[in-house]
PDB file of N, CA and C in Angstrom:
ATOM      1  N   UNK A   1      41.657   6.281  10.041  1.00  0.00           N
ATOM      2  CA  UNK A   1      40.367   6.144   9.400  1.00  0.00           C
ATOM      3  C   UNK A   1      39.860   7.521   8.981  1.00  0.00           C
ATOM      4  N   UNK A   2      39.784   8.433   9.902  1.00  0.00           N
ATOM      5  CA  UNK A   2      39.471   9.810   9.578  1.00  0.00           C
ATOM      6  C   UNK A   2      38.098  10.016   8.982  1.00  0.00           C
ATOM      7  N   UNK A   3      38.076  10.129   7.676  1.00  0.00           N
ATOM      8  CA  UNK A   3      36.868  10.508   6.972  1.00  0.00           C
ATOM      9  C   UNK A   3      35.759   9.464   7.040  1.00  0.00           C
ATOM     10  N   UNK A   4      36.107   8.208   6.921  1.00  0.00           N
ATOM     11  CA  UNK A   4      35.116   7.139   6.919  1.00  0.00           C
ATOM     12  C   UNK A   4      35.176   6.407   8.254  1.00  0.00           C
ATOM     13  N   UNK A   5      34.514   6.917   9.231  1.00  0.00           N
ATOM     14  CA  UNK A   5      34.550   6.303  10.555  1.00  0.00           C
ATOM     15  C   UNK A   5      33.599   5.111  10.613  1.00  0.00           C
ATOM     16  N   UNK A   6      33.673   4.375  11.690  1.00  0.00           N
ATOM     17  CA  UNK A   6      32.842   3.199  11.947  1.00  0.00           C
ATOM     18  C   UNK A   6      33.081   2.074  10.958  1.00  0.00           C
ATOM     19  N   UNK A   7      34.248   2.027  10.366  1.00  0.00           N
ATOM     20  CA  UNK A   7      34.600   0.908   9.504  1.00  0.00           C
ATOM     21  C   UNK A   7      33.954   0.923   8.131  1.00  0.00           C
ATOM     22  N   UNK A   8      33.395   2.029   7.706  1.00  0.00           N
ATOM     23  CA  UNK A   8      32.781   2.099   6.386  1.00  0.00           C
ATOM     24  C   UNK A   8      33.847   2.375   5.337  1.00  0.00           C
ATOM     25  N   UNK A   9      33.840   1.610   4.290  1.00  0.00           N
ATOM     26  CA  UNK A   9      34.752   1.849   3.178  1.00  0.00           C
ATOM     27  C   UNK A   9      34.042   2.686   2.134  1.00  0.00           C
ATOM     28  N   UNK A  10      34.771   3.076   1.107  1.00  0.00           N
ATOM     29  CA  UNK A  10      34.137   3.853   0.040  1.00  0.00           C
ATOM     30  C   UNK A  10      33.021   3.068  -0.639  1.00  0.00           C
ATOM     31  N   UNK A  11      33.226   1.790  -0.859  1.00  0.00           N
ATOM     32  CA  UNK A  11      32.230   0.972  -1.553  1.00  0.00           C
ATOM     33  C   UNK A  11      30.969   0.840  -0.714  1.00  0.00           C
ATOM     34  N   UNK A  12      31.109   0.507   0.560  1.00  0.00           N
ATOM     35  CA  UNK A  12      29.921   0.336   1.392  1.00  0.00           C
ATOM     36  C   UNK A  12      29.227   1.667   1.641  1.00  0.00           C
ATOM     37  N   UNK A  13      29.996   2.756   1.737  1.00  0.00           N
ATOM     38  CA  UNK A  13      29.400   4.065   1.914  1.00  0.00           C
ATOM     39  C   UNK A  13      28.607   4.462   0.675  1.00  0.00           C
ATOM     40  N   UNK A  14      29.131   4.170  -0.501  1.00  0.00           N
ATOM     41  CA  UNK A  14      28.427   4.493  -1.740  1.00  0.00           C
ATOM     42  C   UNK A  14      27.143   3.687  -1.866  1.00  0.00           C
ATOM     43  N   UNK A  15      27.163   2.441  -1.442  1.00  0.00           N
ATOM     44  CA  UNK A  15      25.955   1.626  -1.546  1.00  0.00           C
ATOM     45  C   UNK A  15      24.884   2.095  -0.574  1.00  0.00           C
ATOM     46  N   UNK A  16      25.280   2.714   0.541  1.00  0.00           N
ATOM     47  CA  UNK A  16      24.301   3.255   1.475  1.00  0.00           C
ATOM     48  C   UNK A  16      23.637   4.507   0.927  1.00  0.00           C
ATOM     49  N   UNK A  17      24.382   5.294   0.182  1.00  0.00           N
ATOM     50  CA  UNK A  17      23.882   6.565  -0.313  1.00  0.00           C
ATOM     51  C   UNK A  17      23.016   6.389  -1.551  1.00  0.00           C
ATOM     52  N   UNK A  18      23.323   5.432  -2.402  1.00  0.00           N
ATOM     53  CA  UNK A  18      22.595   5.253  -3.658  1.00  0.00           C
ATOM     54  C   UNK A  18      21.164   4.798  -3.402  1.00  0.00           C
ATOM     55  N   UNK A  19      20.252   5.307  -4.199  1.00  0.00           N
ATOM     56  CA  UNK A  19      18.848   4.934  -4.070  1.00  0.00           C
ATOM     57  C   UNK A  19      18.611   3.570  -4.700  1.00  0.00           C
ATOM     58  N   UNK A  20      17.673   2.864  -4.149  1.00  0.00           N
ATOM     59  CA  UNK A  20      17.320   1.555  -4.668  1.00  0.00           C
ATOM     60  C   UNK A  20      16.488   1.714  -5.936  1.00  0.00           C
ATOM     61  N   UNK A  21      16.636   0.793  -6.876  1.00  0.00           N
ATOM     62  CA  UNK A  21      15.841   0.848  -8.100  1.00  0.00           C
ATOM     63  C   UNK A  21      14.453   0.257  -7.877  1.00  0.00           C
ATOM     64  N   UNK A  22      14.262  -0.483  -6.788  1.00  0.00           N
ATOM     65  CA  UNK A  22      12.965  -1.077  -6.477  1.00  0.00           C
ATOM     66  C   UNK A  22      12.102  -0.045  -5.753  1.00  0.00           C
ATOM     67  N   UNK A  23      10.858   0.188  -6.240  1.00  0.00           N
ATOM     68  CA  UNK A  23      10.021   1.189  -5.575  1.00  0.00           C
ATOM     69  C   UNK A  23       9.578   0.703  -4.197  1.00  0.00           C
ATOM     70  N   UNK A  24       9.974   1.397  -3.189  1.00  0.00           N
ATOM     71  CA  UNK A  24       9.637   1.016  -1.820  1.00  0.00           C
ATOM     72  C   UNK A  24       9.061   2.238  -1.131  1.00  0.00           C
ATOM     73  N   UNK A  25       7.775   2.226  -0.837  1.00  0.00           N
ATOM     74  CA  UNK A  25       7.198   3.357  -0.139  1.00  0.00           C
ATOM     75  C   UNK A  25       6.417   2.861   1.068  1.00  0.00           C
ATOM     76  N   UNK A  26       6.376   3.675   2.073  1.00  0.00           N
ATOM     77  CA  UNK A  26       5.714   3.313   3.313  1.00  0.00           C
ATOM     78  C   UNK A  26       4.281   3.815   3.364  1.00  0.00           C
ATOM     79  N   UNK A  27       3.774   4.342   2.245  1.00  0.00           N
ATOM     80  CA  UNK A  27       2.379   4.762   2.196  1.00  0.00           C
ATOM     81  C   UNK A  27       1.675   3.990   1.098  1.00  0.00           C
ATOM     82  N   UNK A  28       0.447   3.702   1.319  1.00  0.00           N
ATOM     83  CA  UNK A  28      -0.332   2.881   0.394  1.00  0.00           C
ATOM     84  C   UNK A  28      -1.725   3.480   0.207  1.00  0.00           C
ATOM     85  N   UNK A  29      -2.453   2.908  -0.753  1.00  0.00           N
ATOM     86  CA  UNK A  29      -3.859   3.230  -0.955  1.00  0.00           C
ATOM     87  C   UNK A  29      -4.663   1.977  -0.661  1.00  0.00           C
ATOM     88  N   UNK A  30      -5.804   2.149  -0.025  1.00  0.00           N
ATOM     89  CA  UNK A  30      -6.671   1.031   0.319  1.00  0.00           C
ATOM     90  C   UNK A  30      -7.967   1.168  -0.462  1.00  0.00           C
ATOM     91  N   UNK A  31      -8.343   0.119  -1.186  1.00  0.00           N
ATOM     92  CA  UNK A  31      -9.585   0.166  -1.940  1.00  0.00           C
ATOM     93  C   UNK A  31     -10.266  -1.192  -1.936  1.00  0.00           C
ATOM     94  N   UNK A  32     -11.577  -1.157  -2.144  1.00  0.00           N
ATOM     95  CA  UNK A  32     -12.384  -2.373  -2.175  1.00  0.00           C
ATOM     96  C   UNK A  32     -13.156  -2.381  -3.481  1.00  0.00           C
ATOM     97  N   UNK A  33     -13.107  -3.502  -4.195  1.00  0.00           N
ATOM     98  CA  UNK A  33     -13.898  -3.684  -5.410  1.00  0.00           C
ATOM     99  C   UNK A  33     -15.150  -4.456  -5.024  1.00  0.00           C
ATOM    100  N   UNK A  34     -16.310  -3.856  -5.276  1.00  0.00           N
ATOM    101  CA  UNK A  34     -17.584  -4.485  -4.938  1.00  0.00           C
ATOM    102  C   UNK A  34     -18.282  -4.868  -6.236  1.00  0.00           C
ATOM    103  N   UNK A  35     -18.779  -6.097  -6.292  1.00  0.00           N
ATOM    104  CA  UNK A  35     -19.482  -6.612  -7.466  1.00  0.00           C
ATOM    105  C   UNK A  35     -20.959  -6.726  -7.123  1.00  0.00           C
ATOM    106  N   UNK A  36     -21.802  -5.778  -7.624  1.00  0.00           N
ATOM    107  CA  UNK A  36     -23.219  -5.761  -7.246  1.00  0.00           C
ATOM    108  C   UNK A  36     -23.977  -7.024  -7.646  1.00  0.00           C
ATOM    109  N   UNK A  37     -23.633  -7.610  -8.780  1.00  0.00           N
ATOM    110  CA  UNK A  37     -24.340  -8.804  -9.230  1.00  0.00           C
ATOM    111  C   UNK A  37     -23.889 -10.066  -8.525  1.00  0.00           C
ATOM    112  N   UNK A  38     -22.828  -9.966  -7.755  1.00  0.00           N
ATOM    113  CA  UNK A  38     -22.306 -11.128  -7.052  1.00  0.00           C
ATOM    114  C   UNK A  38     -21.341 -11.939  -7.894  1.00  0.00           C
ATOM    115  N   UNK A  39     -21.273 -11.652  -9.189  1.00  0.00           N
ATOM    116  CA  UNK A  39     -20.396 -12.390 -10.093  1.00  0.00           C
ATOM    117  C   UNK A  39     -19.099 -11.619 -10.297  1.00  0.00           C
ATOM    118  N   UNK A  40     -18.000 -12.337 -10.284  1.00  0.00           N
ATOM    119  CA  UNK A  40     -16.695 -11.703 -10.439  1.00  0.00           C
ATOM    120  C   UNK A  40     -16.120 -12.007 -11.824  1.00  0.00           C
ATOM    121  N   UNK A  41     -16.971 -12.115 -12.831  1.00  0.00           N
ATOM    122  CA  UNK A  41     -16.544 -12.414 -14.197  1.00  0.00           C
ATOM    123  C   UNK A  41     -15.848 -11.190 -14.803  1.00  0.00           C
ATOM    124  N   UNK A  42     -15.188 -11.402 -15.925  1.00  0.00           N
ATOM    125  CA  UNK A  42     -14.428 -10.340 -16.571  1.00  0.00           C
ATOM    126  C   UNK A  42     -15.262  -9.151 -17.001  1.00  0.00           C
ATOM    127  N   UNK A  43     -16.468  -9.383 -17.496  1.00  0.00           N
ATOM    128  CA  UNK A  43     -17.310  -8.300 -17.986  1.00  0.00           C
ATOM    129  C   UNK A  43     -18.276  -7.787 -16.918  1.00  0.00           C
ATOM    130  N   UNK A  44     -18.156  -8.277 -15.696  1.00  0.00           N
ATOM    131  CA  UNK A  44     -19.075  -7.884 -14.628  1.00  0.00           C
ATOM    132  C   UNK A  44     -18.834  -6.434 -14.217  1.00  0.00           C
ATOM    133  N   UNK A  45     -19.910  -5.770 -13.838  1.00  0.00           N
ATOM    134  CA  UNK A  45     -19.804  -4.399 -13.356  1.00  0.00           C
ATOM    135  C   UNK A  45     -19.123  -4.404 -11.987  1.00  0.00           C
ATOM    136  N   UNK A  46     -18.300  -3.399 -11.762  1.00  0.00           N
ATOM    137  CA  UNK A  46     -17.564  -3.336 -10.501  1.00  0.00           C
ATOM    138  C   UNK A  46     -17.589  -1.910  -9.976  1.00  0.00           C
ATOM    139  N   UNK A  47     -17.780  -1.780  -8.687  1.00  0.00           N
ATOM    140  CA  UNK A  47     -17.739  -0.478  -8.024  1.00  0.00           C
ATOM    141  C   UNK A  47     -16.476  -0.441  -7.181  1.00  0.00           C
ATOM    142  N   UNK A  48     -15.678   0.610  -7.347  1.00  0.00           N
ATOM    143  CA  UNK A  48     -14.445   0.762  -6.584  1.00  0.00           C
ATOM    144  C   UNK A  48     -14.671   1.791  -5.488  1.00  0.00           C
ATOM    145  N   UNK A  49     -14.411   1.392  -4.247  1.00  0.00           N
ATOM    146  CA  UNK A  49     -14.579   2.270  -3.090  1.00  0.00           C
ATOM    147  C   UNK A  49     -13.210   2.474  -2.454  1.00  0.00           C
ATOM    148  N   UNK A  50     -12.807   3.731  -2.314  1.00  0.00           N
ATOM    149  CA  UNK A  50     -11.529   4.068  -1.687  1.00  0.00           C
ATOM    150  C   UNK A  50     -11.755   4.330  -0.203  1.00  0.00           C
ATOM    151  N   UNK A  51     -10.764   3.977   0.611  1.00  0.00           N
ATOM    152  CA  UNK A  51     -10.856   4.188   2.056  1.00  0.00           C
ATOM    153  C   UNK A  51      -9.746   5.117   2.514  1.00  0.00           C
ATOM    154  N   UNK A  52     -10.060   5.968   3.508  1.00  0.00           N
ATOM    155  CA  UNK A  52      -9.102   6.930   4.041  1.00  0.00           C
ATOM    156  C   UNK A  52      -8.474   6.461   5.339  1.00  0.00           C
ATOM    157  N   UNK A  53      -7.816   7.384   6.028  1.00  0.00           N
ATOM    158  CA  UNK A  53      -7.080   7.065   7.257  1.00  0.00           C
ATOM    159  C   UNK A  53      -7.965   6.561   8.385  1.00  0.00           C
ATOM    160  N   UNK A  54      -9.189   7.001   8.437  1.00  0.00           N
ATOM    161  CA  UNK A  54     -10.066   6.615   9.545  1.00  0.00           C
ATOM    162  C   UNK A  54     -10.875   5.363   9.245  1.00  0.00           C
ATOM    163  N   UNK A  55     -10.597   4.737   8.113  1.00  0.00           N
ATOM    164  CA  UNK A  55     -11.299   3.511   7.766  1.00  0.00           C
ATOM    165  C   UNK A  55     -12.679   3.740   7.193  1.00  0.00           C
ATOM    166  N   UNK A  56     -12.929   4.946   6.737  1.00  0.00           N
ATOM    167  CA  UNK A  56     -14.225   5.275   6.148  1.00  0.00           C
ATOM    168  C   UNK A  56     -14.054   5.527   4.653  1.00  0.00           C
ATOM    169  N   UNK A  57     -15.097   5.245   3.866  1.00  0.00           N
ATOM    170  CA  UNK A  57     -15.008   5.502   2.419  1.00  0.00           C
ATOM    171  C   UNK A  57     -14.811   6.990   2.124  1.00  0.00           C
ATOM    172  N   UNK A  58     -13.986   7.275   1.121  1.00  0.00           N
ATOM    173  CA  UNK A  58     -13.739   8.644   0.666  1.00  0.00           C
ATOM    174  C   UNK A  58     -13.944   8.698  -0.847  1.00  0.00           C
ATOM    175  N   UNK A  59     -14.106   9.909  -1.384  1.00  0.00           N
ATOM    176  CA  UNK A  59     -14.381  10.059  -2.814  1.00  0.00           C
ATOM    177  C   UNK A  59     -13.157   9.814  -3.687  1.00  0.00           C
ATOM    178  N   UNK A  60     -12.010  10.356  -3.270  1.00  0.00           N
ATOM    179  CA  UNK A  60     -10.788  10.232  -4.060  1.00  0.00           C
ATOM    180  C   UNK A  60      -9.817   9.281  -3.373  1.00  0.00           C
ATOM    181  N   UNK A  61      -8.914   8.648  -4.134  1.00  0.00           N
ATOM    182  CA  UNK A  61      -7.907   7.791  -3.492  1.00  0.00           C
ATOM    183  C   UNK A  61      -6.996   8.615  -2.583  1.00  0.00           C
ATOM    184  N   UNK A  62      -6.761   8.118  -1.393  1.00  0.00           N
ATOM    185  CA  UNK A  62      -5.916   8.795  -0.411  1.00  0.00           C
ATOM    186  C   UNK A  62      -4.756   7.899  -0.024  1.00  0.00           C
ATOM    187  N   UNK A  63      -3.613   8.496   0.226  1.00  0.00           N
ATOM    188  CA  UNK A  63      -2.469   7.747   0.718  1.00  0.00           C
ATOM    189  C   UNK A  63      -2.548   7.668   2.235  1.00  0.00           C
ATOM    190  N   UNK A  64      -2.302   6.472   2.766  1.00  0.00           N
ATOM    191  CA  UNK A  64      -2.294   6.259   4.207  1.00  0.00           C
ATOM    192  C   UNK A  64      -1.062   5.428   4.552  1.00  0.00           C
ATOM    193  N   UNK A  65      -0.609   5.453   5.796  1.00  0.00           N
ATOM    194  CA  UNK A  65       0.558   4.650   6.170  1.00  0.00           C
ATOM    195  C   UNK A  65       0.330   3.165   5.886  1.00  0.00           C
ATOM    196  N   UNK A  66       1.375   2.485   5.444  1.00  0.00           N
ATOM    197  CA  UNK A  66       1.263   1.084   5.030  1.00  0.00           C
ATOM    198  C   UNK A  66       0.744   0.194   6.151  1.00  0.00           C
ATOM    199  N   UNK A  67       1.238   0.380   7.357  1.00  0.00           N
ATOM    200  CA  UNK A  67       0.811  -0.455   8.484  1.00  0.00           C
ATOM    201  C   UNK A  67      -0.689  -0.303   8.736  1.00  0.00           C
ATOM    202  N   UNK A  68      -1.179   0.930   8.669  1.00  0.00           N
ATOM    203  CA  UNK A  68      -2.599   1.186   8.867  1.00  0.00           C
ATOM    204  C   UNK A  68      -3.427   0.615   7.719  1.00  0.00           C
ATOM    205  N   UNK A  69      -2.918   0.721   6.494  1.00  0.00           N
ATOM    206  CA  UNK A  69      -3.631   0.183   5.330  1.00  0.00           C
ATOM    207  C   UNK A  69      -3.818  -1.326   5.449  1.00  0.00           C
ATOM    208  N   UNK A  70      -2.780  -2.035   5.861  1.00  0.00           N
ATOM    209  CA  UNK A  70      -2.893  -3.486   6.002  1.00  0.00           C
ATOM    210  C   UNK A  70      -3.792  -3.866   7.174  1.00  0.00           C
ATOM    211  N   UNK A  71      -3.782  -3.073   8.228  1.00  0.00           N
ATOM    212  CA  UNK A  71      -4.658  -3.329   9.371  1.00  0.00           C
ATOM    213  C   UNK A  71      -6.125  -3.194   8.954  1.00  0.00           C
ATOM    214  N   UNK A  72      -6.457  -2.108   8.233  1.00  0.00           N
ATOM    215  CA  UNK A  72      -7.828  -1.918   7.759  1.00  0.00           C
ATOM    216  C   UNK A  72      -8.209  -2.973   6.728  1.00  0.00           C
ATOM    217  N   UNK A  73      -7.258  -3.403   5.912  1.00  0.00           N
ATOM    218  CA  UNK A  73      -7.546  -4.424   4.899  1.00  0.00           C
ATOM    219  C   UNK A  73      -7.974  -5.732   5.557  1.00  0.00           C
ATOM    220  N   UNK A  74      -7.306  -6.123   6.632  1.00  0.00           N
ATOM    221  CA  UNK A  74      -7.696  -7.353   7.341  1.00  0.00           C
ATOM    222  C   UNK A  74      -9.111  -7.244   7.895  1.00  0.00           C
ATOM    223  N   UNK A  75      -9.457  -6.071   8.428  1.00  0.00           N
ATOM    224  CA  UNK A  75     -10.803  -5.878   8.977  1.00  0.00           C
ATOM    225  C   UNK A  75     -11.858  -5.878   7.874  1.00  0.00           C
ATOM    226  N   UNK A  76     -11.532  -5.265   6.732  1.00  0.00           N
ATOM    227  CA  UNK A  76     -12.491  -5.228   5.625  1.00  0.00           C
ATOM    228  C   UNK A  76     -12.667  -6.602   4.988  1.00  0.00           C
ATOM    229  N   UNK A  77     -11.613  -7.412   4.949  1.00  0.00           N
ATOM    230  CA  UNK A  77     -11.735  -8.762   4.410  1.00  0.00           C
ATOM    231  C   UNK A  77     -12.651  -9.608   5.270  1.00  0.00           C
ATOM    232  N   UNK A  78     -12.633  -9.386   6.571  1.00  0.00           N
ATOM    233  CA  UNK A  78     -13.493 -10.147   7.475  1.00  0.00           C
ATOM    234  C   UNK A  78     -14.963  -9.824   7.244  1.00  0.00           C
ATOM    235  N   UNK A  79     -15.265  -8.630   6.751  1.00  0.00           N
ATOM    236  CA  UNK A  79     -16.654  -8.244   6.478  1.00  0.00           C
ATOM    237  C   UNK A  79     -17.193  -8.859   5.190  1.00  0.00           C
ATOM    238  N   UNK A  80     -16.312  -9.352   4.336  1.00  0.00           N
ATOM    239  CA  UNK A  80     -16.691  -9.961   3.055  1.00  0.00           C
ATOM    240  C   UNK A  80     -17.493  -9.005   2.169  1.00  0.00           C
ATOM    241  N   UNK A  81     -17.002  -7.781   2.030  1.00  0.00           N
ATOM    242  CA  UNK A  81     -17.648  -6.794   1.167  1.00  0.00           C
ATOM    243  C   UNK A  81     -17.325  -7.022  -0.300  1.00  0.00           C
ATOM    244  N   UNK A  82     -16.119  -7.451  -0.578  1.00  0.00           N
ATOM    245  CA  UNK A  82     -15.654  -7.638  -1.947  1.00  0.00           C
ATOM    246  C   UNK A  82     -14.165  -7.917  -1.928  1.00  0.00           C
ATOM    247  N   UNK A  83     -13.499  -7.568  -3.009  1.00  0.00           N
ATOM    248  CA  UNK A  83     -12.059  -7.776  -3.112  1.00  0.00           C
ATOM    249  C   UNK A  83     -11.334  -6.572  -2.521  1.00  0.00           C
ATOM    250  N   UNK A  84     -10.483  -6.804  -1.528  1.00  0.00           N
ATOM    251  CA  UNK A  84      -9.748  -5.738  -0.852  1.00  0.00           C
ATOM    252  C   UNK A  84      -8.350  -5.659  -1.448  1.00  0.00           C
ATOM    253  N   UNK A  85      -7.922  -4.447  -1.808  1.00  0.00           N
ATOM    254  CA  UNK A  85      -6.592  -4.246  -2.393  1.00  0.00           C
ATOM    255  C   UNK A  85      -5.848  -3.161  -1.639  1.00  0.00           C
ATOM    256  N   UNK A  86      -4.567  -3.398  -1.411  1.00  0.00           N
ATOM    257  CA  UNK A  86      -3.675  -2.383  -0.856  1.00  0.00           C
ATOM    258  C   UNK A  86      -2.636  -2.114  -1.932  1.00  0.00           C
ATOM    259  N   UNK A  87      -2.669  -0.914  -2.491  1.00  0.00           N
ATOM    260  CA  UNK A  87      -1.760  -0.552  -3.584  1.00  0.00           C
ATOM    261  C   UNK A  87      -0.669   0.369  -3.098  1.00  0.00           C
TER     262      UNK A  87
END
């Protein structure tokens, strides 16, 4: 076997090394869309609030770990502030 130990062939080794074409990242952005008028129509005014690592609003979009983003999203959805998005 020599060069390719553990039963890896050239084909399987190449597939492990090649990058996936599907974008997969472990960091996300958490944001909430708030509709002041209460209406979610197409022309309705919307305020976008970004959230940081500590679950507090921040001025600019911040990247946070995906697991933490989804955890905060569940908590924010329970508050019924608006539409919660994890990007």
